[in-house]
């Protein structure tokens, strides 16, 4: 049977403009989304803005809950609207494009509130639109103070995190005056207590007073959180380290992850000694295994202070403790020629002796050091945990070519774990692994101390012969 003609742009061009137009009209009569898209494509610049406002308003008025099968069509519609704003409208009327994008973003709370967007399809579109606001504001030469006021309102309504990167996006358009105005608004906002609404006042007058107080406290917490996030973003945009630090109390500032963020910002403005003090004062949850972010920050600070030997020692310690390949590569990169070869050999020796065998195997496969990985498997096969298939499966694939016996042992570990635990959901994978073992057996010259494939297969049938659903997959 002949294959169908591929549907390509070049093939469609051969139909000619008139025939294509007829076909599009025919399809548009049956598909409202395509019809709307075609109207946008043929609209004049002035008419286009009007059509976009109408469609955005229509989406904003909708109140019905969106089932999952309706999310993709809506996502396509929203993405088309966003594209029209950022391209056609922006090219002809940048202030109108900016205003339309704000109207687009105003849809977020309503749309996300009436659907289950667990995959983040719609959320991602609104986040992309948020990122568009900055370039559009610059293109439109928006007034910095008016823009700051608009940003303030948006951040206060950030119910679903759609405005998470708004300040970063619009910072260039705000400039110094706009950012300072926005900072002052949020400082005042954080200090202003939440007023009792008529609703909470009525509830506090009688039964349910605690609920009214709870709502008031929740609103205060939300306001404080939004103000802090905004001021942190403003601090980064203006390189104001003191403003950044001021958002945390002493207890918070000593948390390892926060101290790391503070230290990096101090280092960036040439205050490395203070940065190291902040890190050394941090309260580590587990001093024997510090947080990676804290360790990274400390190494950067040590380097920034010119303490290269201390930074190198810290990199090695990080690697030795948790087999952090990133830290080892950074350590080796800074060594003189030839010294790095000996250091790598010493590092891989350490990996082979590492107590957590699965960690060691994963490291050696990824490094890669396949000869050492095979040696590790053959020497420590009793430590294999077949449940760690996320490590064993790719390791078996990597070793199969040159180290078939090691690959076989990894496959057997997964097979044994599956059958001994009666993990029926993995029977299909276990059956495939058994077949792979059979293929590998043909190129294994000597099984040594390990069971030959025939003996292993016989033992499986003896121990798990009653697991019919597994053996059916083998037939």
Protein backbone atom coordinates (compact mmCIF):
# COMPACT_ATOMS: atom_id res chain seq x y z
CA UNK A 1 0.00 0.00 0.00
CA UNK A 2 1.45 3.38 -1.00
CA UNK A 3 2.28 5.77 1.81
CA UNK A 4 0.21 8.94 2.08
CA UNK A 5 1.62 12.23 0.81
CA UNK A 6 3.32 14.09 3.68
CA UNK A 7 1.55 17.28 4.74
CA UNK A 8 4.19 20.00 4.41
CA UNK A 9 4.14 23.73 3.77
CA UNK A 10 5.73 23.17 0.37
CA UNK A 11 3.08 20.64 -0.63
CA UNK A 12 0.28 22.98 0.44
CA UNK A 13 1.77 25.88 -1.55
CA UNK A 14 1.14 23.89 -4.71
CA UNK A 15 -2.61 24.15 -4.10
CA UNK A 16 -2.52 27.86 -4.79
CA UNK A 17 -3.84 30.78 -2.70
CA UNK A 18 -7.47 30.50 -3.79
CA UNK A 19 -7.80 26.78 -3.06
CA UNK A 20 -6.06 27.17 0.30
CA UNK A 21 -8.42 30.02 1.19
CA UNK A 22 -11.44 27.86 0.34
CA UNK A 23 -10.16 24.99 2.43
CA UNK A 24 -9.43 27.26 5.40
CA UNK A 25 -12.91 28.73 5.27
CA UNK A 26 -14.38 25.25 5.18
CA UNK A 27 -12.35 24.17 8.23
CA UNK A 28 -13.07 27.44 10.06
CA UNK A 29 -16.81 26.87 9.80
CA UNK A 30 -16.37 23.69 11.86
CA UNK A 31 -13.71 24.95 14.31
CA UNK A 32 -14.32 28.15 16.30
CA UNK A 33 -10.69 28.37 17.45
CA UNK A 34 -9.38 28.32 13.89
CA UNK A 35 -12.00 30.85 12.87
CA UNK A 36 -10.88 33.22 15.64
CA UNK A 37 -7.23 32.74 14.67
CA UNK A 38 -7.94 33.54 11.02
CA UNK A 39 -9.80 36.70 11.99
CA UNK A 40 -6.78 37.84 13.98
CA UNK A 41 -4.42 37.08 11.11
CA UNK A 42 -6.34 39.13 8.54
CA UNK A 43 -7.26 42.05 10.81
CA UNK A 44 -5.71 45.47 10.31
CA UNK A 45 -3.50 46.70 13.20
CA UNK A 46 -6.29 48.87 14.65
CA UNK A 47 -8.92 46.20 14.16
CA UNK A 48 -6.58 43.57 15.60
CA UNK A 49 -6.29 45.35 18.95
CA UNK A 50 -10.07 45.64 19.12
CA UNK A 51 -10.53 41.94 18.31
CA UNK A 52 -7.99 40.99 20.98
CA UNK A 53 -9.73 43.09 23.64
CA UNK A 54 -13.04 41.46 22.79
CA UNK A 55 -11.61 37.95 23.01
CA UNK A 56 -9.79 38.65 26.28
CA UNK A 57 -12.96 40.09 27.77
CA UNK A 58 -14.91 37.04 26.61
CA UNK A 59 -12.47 34.69 28.35
CA UNK A 60 -12.56 36.87 31.46
CA UNK A 61 -16.34 36.67 31.72
CA UNK A 62 -16.39 32.85 31.63
CA UNK A 63 -17.15 31.15 34.95
CA UNK A 64 -17.63 27.46 34.14
CA UNK A 65 -15.13 24.92 35.45
CA UNK A 66 -12.71 23.79 32.75
CA UNK A 67 -12.43 20.03 32.39
CA UNK A 68 -9.02 18.63 31.49
CA UNK A 69 -10.02 18.04 27.86
CA UNK A 70 -10.71 21.77 27.53
CA UNK A 71 -7.30 22.93 28.77
CA UNK A 72 -5.29 22.24 25.62
CA UNK A 73 -7.68 24.14 23.30
CA UNK A 74 -7.72 27.08 25.73
CA UNK A 75 -3.94 26.96 25.98
CA UNK A 76 -3.68 27.12 22.21
CA UNK A 77 -6.09 30.06 22.14
CA UNK A 78 -4.18 31.94 24.85
CA UNK A 79 -0.82 31.31 23.20
CA UNK A 80 -2.17 32.64 19.90
CA UNK A 81 -3.46 35.76 21.67
CA UNK A 82 -0.11 36.30 23.38
CA UNK A 83 1.71 35.90 20.08
CA UNK A 84 -0.54 38.43 18.36
CA UNK A 85 0.09 40.97 21.13
CA UNK A 86 3.87 40.56 21.18
CA UNK A 87 4.26 40.53 17.41
CA UNK A 88 1.61 42.24 15.29
CA UNK A 89 0.32 44.76 17.86
CA UNK A 90 3.72 45.56 19.38
CA UNK A 91 5.17 46.33 15.95
CA UNK A 92 2.48 48.94 15.23
CA UNK A 93 1.35 50.26 18.62
CA UNK A 94 3.59 49.37 21.57
CA UNK A 95 1.51 51.21 24.25
CA UNK A 96 -1.58 49.29 23.09
CA UNK A 97 0.42 46.04 23.19
CA UNK A 98 1.51 46.74 26.77
CA UNK A 99 -2.05 47.48 27.87
CA UNK A 100 -3.32 44.34 26.14
CA UNK A 101 -0.69 42.23 27.87
CA UNK A 102 -1.79 43.59 31.25
CA UNK A 103 -5.37 42.67 30.31
CA UNK A 104 -4.09 39.22 29.32
CA UNK A 105 -2.42 38.81 32.72
CA UNK A 106 -5.59 39.93 34.49
CA UNK A 107 -7.18 36.70 33.23
CA UNK A 108 -4.77 34.49 35.20
CA UNK A 109 -6.50 34.31 38.57
CA UNK A 110 -9.90 33.63 37.03
CA UNK A 111 -8.70 31.05 34.51
CA UNK A 112 -6.40 29.18 36.90
CA UNK A 113 -9.06 29.28 39.61
CA UNK A 114 -11.60 27.41 37.53
CA UNK A 115 -9.52 24.51 36.28
CA UNK A 116 -7.15 21.74 37.38
CA UNK A 117 -3.92 22.91 35.77
CA UNK A 118 -1.79 20.29 37.55
CA UNK A 119 0.46 19.95 34.48
CA UNK A 120 1.12 23.69 34.50
CA UNK A 121 0.12 24.14 30.86
CA UNK A 122 -1.86 27.35 31.41
CA UNK A 123 0.37 28.58 34.23
CA UNK A 124 3.41 28.43 31.94
CA UNK A 125 1.64 30.60 29.36
CA UNK A 126 0.86 33.27 31.94
CA UNK A 127 4.44 33.16 33.21
CA UNK A 128 5.66 33.67 29.63
CA UNK A 129 3.27 36.60 29.27
CA UNK A 130 4.63 38.05 32.50
CA UNK A 131 8.12 37.91 31.01
CA UNK A 132 6.78 39.77 27.96
CA UNK A 133 5.68 42.73 30.09
CA UNK A 134 9.22 43.98 30.62
CA UNK A 135 10.26 44.24 26.95
CA UNK A 136 6.84 45.67 26.04
CA UNK A 137 7.13 48.31 28.78
CA UNK A 138 10.55 49.33 27.46
CA UNK A 139 9.27 49.41 23.89
CA UNK A 140 6.30 51.56 24.93
CA UNK A 141 8.55 53.85 27.03
CA UNK A 142 6.11 53.44 29.91
CA UNK A 143 6.10 56.07 32.65
CA UNK A 144 8.20 54.51 35.48
CA UNK A 145 5.96 55.68 38.33
CA UNK A 146 2.71 54.59 36.66
CA UNK A 147 4.34 51.29 35.76
CA UNK A 148 5.49 50.79 39.35
CA UNK A 149 1.93 51.35 40.58
CA UNK A 150 0.65 48.79 38.08
CA UNK A 151 3.31 46.30 39.20
CA UNK A 152 2.37 46.88 42.85
CA UNK A 153 -1.27 45.99 42.17
CA UNK A 154 -0.30 42.92 40.14
CA UNK A 155 2.03 41.51 42.79
CA UNK A 156 -0.65 41.99 45.44
CA UNK A 157 -2.98 39.86 43.30
CA UNK A 158 -0.43 37.13 42.66
CA UNK A 159 -2.72 34.27 43.67
CA UNK A 160 -1.08 31.53 41.58
CA UNK A 161 2.52 32.71 41.32
CA UNK A 162 2.03 33.98 37.77
CA UNK A 163 3.73 37.26 38.69
CA UNK A 164 6.69 35.58 40.38
CA UNK A 165 9.29 37.12 38.04
CA UNK A 166 7.43 40.35 37.25
CA UNK A 167 9.79 42.75 39.03
CA UNK A 168 12.83 41.14 37.43
CA UNK A 169 11.13 41.44 34.02
CA UNK A 170 10.16 45.12 34.30
CA UNK A 171 13.19 46.36 36.28
CA UNK A 172 14.94 47.84 33.20
CA UNK A 173 11.77 49.73 32.28
CA UNK A 174 11.26 50.95 35.85
CA UNK A 175 14.78 52.26 36.23
CA UNK A 176 15.95 53.87 39.44
CA UNK A 177 12.92 56.15 40.01
CA UNK A 178 10.37 53.40 39.36
CA UNK A 179 12.15 50.82 41.50
CA UNK A 180 12.52 53.29 44.37
CA UNK A 181 8.81 54.20 44.15
CA UNK A 182 7.89 50.52 44.14
CA UNK A 183 10.18 49.85 47.11
CA UNK A 184 8.57 52.60 49.17
CA UNK A 185 5.10 51.31 48.35
CA UNK A 186 5.94 47.79 49.49
CA UNK A 187 7.69 48.96 52.66
CA UNK A 188 4.58 50.91 53.59
CA UNK A 189 2.36 48.02 52.52
CA UNK A 190 4.18 45.59 54.82
CA UNK A 191 3.81 47.94 57.79
CA UNK A 192 0.13 48.72 57.27
CA UNK A 193 -2.14 46.45 59.32
CA UNK A 194 -4.99 44.72 57.56
CA UNK A 195 -8.28 46.48 58.14
CA UNK A 196 -11.23 44.53 59.45
CA UNK A 197 -13.64 44.10 56.57
CA UNK A 198 -17.38 44.29 57.03
CA UNK A 199 -17.45 40.52 56.61
CA UNK A 200 -14.91 39.83 59.37
CA UNK A 201 -16.51 42.44 61.64
CA UNK A 202 -19.88 40.72 61.35
CA UNK A 203 -18.36 37.33 62.11
CA UNK A 204 -16.43 38.65 65.10
CA UNK A 205 -19.61 40.18 66.57
CA UNK A 206 -21.03 36.79 67.45
CA UNK A 207 -20.67 33.14 66.54
CA UNK A 208 -17.64 32.43 64.37
CA UNK A 209 -15.55 35.34 65.68
CA UNK A 210 -12.43 33.19 65.66
CA UNK A 211 -12.98 32.52 61.95
CA UNK A 212 -13.09 36.24 61.23
CA UNK A 213 -9.88 36.77 63.16
CA UNK A 214 -8.27 33.86 61.32
CA UNK A 215 -9.16 35.42 57.96
CA UNK A 216 -7.64 38.71 59.07
CA UNK A 217 -4.43 37.00 60.20
CA UNK A 218 -4.22 35.04 56.98
CA UNK A 219 -4.55 38.23 54.95
CA UNK A 220 -1.80 39.84 57.03
CA UNK A 221 0.47 36.85 56.42
CA UNK A 222 -0.24 36.98 52.69
CA UNK A 223 0.49 40.69 52.59
CA UNK A 224 3.75 40.28 54.51
CA UNK A 225 4.86 37.40 52.27
CA UNK A 226 4.09 39.30 49.05
CA UNK A 227 5.87 42.40 50.31
CA UNK A 228 8.94 40.41 51.30
CA UNK A 229 9.14 38.64 47.93
CA UNK A 230 8.79 41.96 46.14
CA UNK A 231 11.43 43.70 48.26
CA UNK A 232 13.85 40.82 47.72
CA UNK A 233 13.37 41.16 43.97
CA UNK A 234 13.84 44.94 44.17
CA UNK A 235 16.98 44.44 46.26
CA UNK A 236 18.45 42.21 43.57
CA UNK A 237 17.44 44.58 40.78
CA UNK A 238 19.13 47.52 42.57
CA UNK A 239 22.04 45.52 44.07
CA UNK A 240 20.91 46.72 47.50
CA UNK A 241 22.36 44.10 49.83
CA UNK A 242 21.15 45.85 52.98
CA UNK A 243 17.56 45.81 51.71
CA UNK A 244 17.94 42.10 50.95
CA UNK A 245 19.30 41.31 54.43
CA UNK A 246 16.60 43.42 56.08
CA UNK A 247 13.91 41.01 54.87
CA UNK A 248 15.09 38.32 57.32
CA UNK A 249 15.22 38.31 61.09
CA UNK A 250 18.34 37.04 62.88
CA UNK A 251 17.01 33.49 63.19
CA UNK A 252 16.12 33.27 59.51
CA UNK A 253 19.43 34.79 58.43
CA UNK A 254 21.28 31.98 60.22
CA UNK A 255 19.52 29.27 58.23
CA UNK A 256 22.07 27.72 55.92
CA UNK A 257 20.15 28.26 52.67
CA UNK A 258 19.42 31.91 53.46
CA UNK A 259 22.93 32.63 54.71
CA UNK A 260 24.20 31.27 51.39
CA UNK A 261 22.02 33.72 49.42
CA UNK A 262 23.10 36.62 51.60
CA UNK A 263 26.78 35.68 51.33
CA UNK A 264 26.70 35.53 47.53
CA UNK A 265 25.19 39.00 47.36
CA UNK A 266 27.78 40.38 49.77
CA UNK A 267 30.52 38.81 47.67
CA UNK A 268 29.08 40.36 44.50
CA UNK A 269 29.51 43.86 45.96
CA UNK A 270 33.05 43.23 47.19
CA UNK A 271 32.23 42.38 50.81
CA UNK A 272 33.77 38.90 50.85
CA UNK A 273 34.99 39.03 54.47
CA UNK A 274 31.46 39.77 55.69
CA UNK A 275 30.13 37.02 53.44
CA UNK A 276 32.41 34.46 55.09
CA UNK A 277 31.32 35.65 58.54
CA UNK A 278 27.68 35.16 57.57
CA UNK A 279 28.37 31.62 56.35
CA UNK A 280 30.41 30.67 59.41
CA UNK A 281 27.61 31.91 61.67
CA UNK A 282 25.01 29.76 59.89
CA UNK A 283 23.22 27.04 61.82
CA UNK A 284 23.69 23.86 59.81
CA UNK A 285 21.00 21.24 60.22
CA UNK A 286 23.62 18.51 59.87
CA UNK A 287 27.20 19.79 60.28
CA UNK A 288 28.60 16.47 59.03
CA UNK A 289 26.64 16.87 55.78
CA UNK A 290 26.10 20.60 55.08
CA UNK A 291 23.57 21.86 52.57
CA UNK A 292 25.02 21.91 49.02
CA UNK A 293 23.98 25.56 48.49
CA UNK A 294 25.85 26.60 51.64
CA UNK A 295 28.93 24.65 50.56
CA UNK A 296 28.84 26.16 47.07
CA UNK A 297 28.55 29.65 48.48
CA UNK A 298 31.42 29.10 50.91
CA UNK A 299 33.68 27.84 48.13
CA UNK A 300 32.84 30.86 45.96
CA UNK A 301 33.56 33.21 48.86
CA UNK A 302 36.89 31.52 49.62
CA UNK A 303 37.87 31.88 45.98
CA UNK A 304 36.74 35.49 46.02
CA UNK A 305 38.98 36.17 49.02
CA UNK A 306 41.94 34.62 47.23
CA UNK A 307 42.01 31.59 49.54
CA UNK A 308 42.39 29.13 46.67
CA UNK A 309 43.90 26.30 48.72
CA UNK A 310 41.04 26.44 51.22
CA UNK A 311 38.53 26.47 48.35
CA UNK A 312 40.22 23.44 46.78
CA UNK A 313 40.18 21.58 50.09
CA UNK A 314 36.47 22.36 50.45
CA UNK A 315 35.75 21.06 46.94
CA UNK A 316 37.55 17.81 47.70
CA UNK A 317 35.72 17.43 51.00
CA UNK A 318 32.36 17.89 49.24
CA UNK A 319 33.26 15.27 46.67
CA UNK A 320 34.66 12.79 49.21
CA UNK A 321 31.59 13.04 51.42
CA UNK A 322 28.82 12.79 48.84
CA UNK A 323 30.50 11.87 45.52
CA UNK A 324 29.62 15.24 44.03
CA UNK A 325 31.00 14.95 40.49
CA UNK A 326 30.53 18.66 39.88
CA UNK A 327 32.84 19.54 42.76
CA UNK A 328 35.43 16.98 41.66
CA UNK A 329 35.52 18.36 38.12
CA UNK A 330 35.92 21.88 39.50
CA UNK A 331 38.73 20.64 41.77
CA UNK A 332 40.57 18.88 38.93
CA UNK A 333 40.17 21.84 36.58
CA UNK A 334 42.15 24.06 38.94
CA UNK A 335 45.10 21.67 39.33
CA UNK A 336 48.34 22.03 37.35
CA UNK A 337 48.92 19.75 34.36
CA UNK A 338 49.65 16.12 35.28
CA UNK A 339 48.64 16.73 38.91
CA UNK A 340 45.03 16.37 37.80
CA UNK A 341 45.69 12.86 36.47
CA UNK A 342 46.97 11.63 39.82
CA UNK A 343 44.16 13.42 41.66
CA UNK A 344 41.56 11.78 39.43
CA UNK A 345 43.06 8.34 40.07
CA UNK A 346 42.95 8.98 43.82
CA UNK A 347 39.35 10.21 43.53
CA UNK A 348 38.21 7.12 41.63
CA UNK A 349 39.96 4.88 44.16
CA UNK A 350 37.90 6.64 46.81
CA UNK A 351 34.72 6.07 44.83
CA UNK A 352 35.38 2.32 44.58
CA UNK A 353 35.65 2.11 48.36
CA UNK A 354 32.66 4.35 49.06
CA UNK A 355 30.28 2.75 51.60
CA UNK A 356 27.14 3.33 49.51
CA UNK A 357 27.75 1.00 46.61
CA UNK A 358 24.85 2.26 44.49
CA UNK A 359 26.12 5.85 44.78
CA UNK A 360 29.56 4.67 43.72
CA UNK A 361 28.19 2.77 40.72
CA UNK A 362 26.12 5.73 39.60
CA UNK A 363 29.14 8.01 39.86
CA UNK A 364 31.43 5.70 37.86
CA UNK A 365 28.86 5.21 35.10
CA UNK A 366 28.25 8.94 34.76
CA UNK A 367 31.90 10.03 35.06
CA UNK A 368 32.44 7.75 33.01
CA UNK A 369 34.88 5.11 34.26
CA UNK A 370 33.29 1.91 32.94
CA UNK A 371 36.23 -0.42 33.69
CA UNK A 372 36.11 0.65 37.33
CA UNK A 373 32.30 0.35 37.37
CA UNK A 374 32.55 -3.25 36.15
CA UNK A 375 35.21 -4.01 38.74
CA UNK A 376 32.96 -2.52 41.43
CA UNK A 377 30.01 -4.69 40.38
CA UNK A 378 32.04 -7.90 40.26
CA UNK A 379 33.72 -7.23 43.59
CA UNK A 380 30.66 -6.00 45.52
CA UNK A 381 27.78 -7.80 43.81
CA UNK A 382 26.28 -8.87 47.15
CA UNK A 383 25.63 -5.20 47.94
CA UNK A 384 23.52 -4.62 44.85
CA UNK A 385 20.04 -3.36 45.62
CA UNK A 386 17.74 -4.44 42.81
CA UNK A 387 15.18 -1.85 43.82
CA UNK A 388 17.56 0.90 42.61
CA UNK A 389 16.62 0.20 38.98
CA UNK A 390 16.95 3.90 38.12
CA UNK A 391 20.72 3.33 38.57
CA UNK A 392 21.07 -0.33 37.65
CA UNK A 393 19.18 -0.24 34.34
CA UNK A 394 21.26 2.52 32.67
CA UNK A 395 24.41 1.00 34.22
CA UNK A 396 23.60 -2.39 32.66
CA UNK A 397 23.10 -0.72 29.27
CA UNK A 398 26.42 1.12 29.58
CA UNK A 399 28.37 -2.01 30.58
CA UNK A 400 26.76 -4.53 28.23
CA UNK A 401 29.17 -3.92 25.35
CA UNK A 402 32.55 -4.42 27.01
CA UNK A 403 31.58 -5.88 30.38
CA UNK A 404 28.74 -8.37 29.77
CA UNK A 405 29.22 -10.26 33.05
CA UNK A 406 28.91 -7.08 35.14
CA UNK A 407 25.85 -6.06 33.12
CA UNK A 408 24.35 -9.52 33.73
CA UNK A 409 24.78 -9.19 37.49
CA UNK A 410 22.98 -5.84 37.44
CA UNK A 411 20.12 -7.32 35.43
CA UNK A 412 19.90 -10.29 37.79
CA UNK A 413 19.71 -7.98 40.80
CA UNK A 414 16.66 -6.26 39.29
CA UNK A 415 15.08 -9.60 38.30
CA UNK A 416 15.58 -11.09 41.77
CA UNK A 417 14.16 -8.02 43.50
CA UNK A 418 11.10 -8.05 41.25
CA UNK A 419 10.30 -11.75 41.70
CA UNK A 420 11.16 -12.01 45.39
CA UNK A 421 8.94 -9.03 46.15
CA UNK A 422 6.21 -10.20 43.74
CA UNK A 423 6.30 -6.76 42.12
CA UNK A 424 3.82 -7.61 39.40
CA UNK A 425 3.98 -4.13 37.90
CA UNK A 426 7.60 -4.80 36.97
CA UNK A 427 7.20 -8.34 35.64
CA UNK A 428 7.32 -7.07 32.07
CA UNK A 429 10.68 -5.42 32.71
CA UNK A 430 12.00 -8.48 34.56
CA UNK A 431 11.06 -10.73 31.63
CA UNK A 432 12.94 -8.43 29.28
CA UNK A 433 15.95 -8.49 31.61
CA UNK A 434 15.96 -12.31 31.59
CA UNK A 435 16.03 -12.30 27.79
CA UNK A 436 18.87 -9.76 27.86
CA UNK A 437 20.79 -12.04 30.23
CA UNK A 438 20.37 -14.84 27.72
CA UNK A 439 21.80 -12.69 24.94
CA UNK A 440 24.74 -11.59 27.08
CA UNK A 441 25.50 -15.18 28.12
CA UNK A 442 26.56 -15.94 24.55
CA UNK A 443 29.49 -13.50 24.79
CA UNK A 444 30.59 -14.27 28.36
CA UNK A 445 33.62 -16.55 28.15
CA UNK A 446 33.80 -17.36 31.86
CA UNK A 447 31.20 -16.77 34.57
CA UNK A 448 33.87 -17.41 37.22
CA UNK A 449 32.34 -17.63 40.68
CA UNK A 450 28.88 -16.64 39.37
CA UNK A 451 26.12 -18.94 38.12
CA UNK A 452 26.06 -19.61 34.38
CA UNK A 453 22.90 -18.43 32.71
CA UNK A 454 21.35 -21.90 32.46
CA UNK A 455 21.85 -22.53 36.18
CA UNK A 456 20.45 -19.10 37.05
CA UNK A 457 17.38 -19.65 34.88
CA UNK A 458 16.80 -23.08 36.44
CA UNK A 459 16.96 -21.55 39.92
CA UNK A 460 14.45 -18.90 38.95
CA UNK A 461 12.01 -21.56 37.76
CA UNK A 462 12.53 -23.56 40.95
CA UNK A 463 12.03 -20.60 43.29
CA UNK A 464 9.36 -18.69 41.35
CA UNK A 465 7.76 -21.33 39.14
CA UNK A 466 4.28 -20.51 40.44
CA UNK A 467 4.39 -16.90 39.27
CA UNK A 468 2.47 -17.75 36.12
CA UNK A 469 1.90 -14.14 35.05
CA UNK A 470 5.67 -13.68 34.88
CA UNK A 471 6.44 -16.90 32.99
CA UNK A 472 3.63 -16.19 30.53
CA UNK A 473 5.64 -13.13 29.48
CA UNK A 474 8.61 -15.40 28.77
CA UNK A 475 6.78 -17.64 26.34
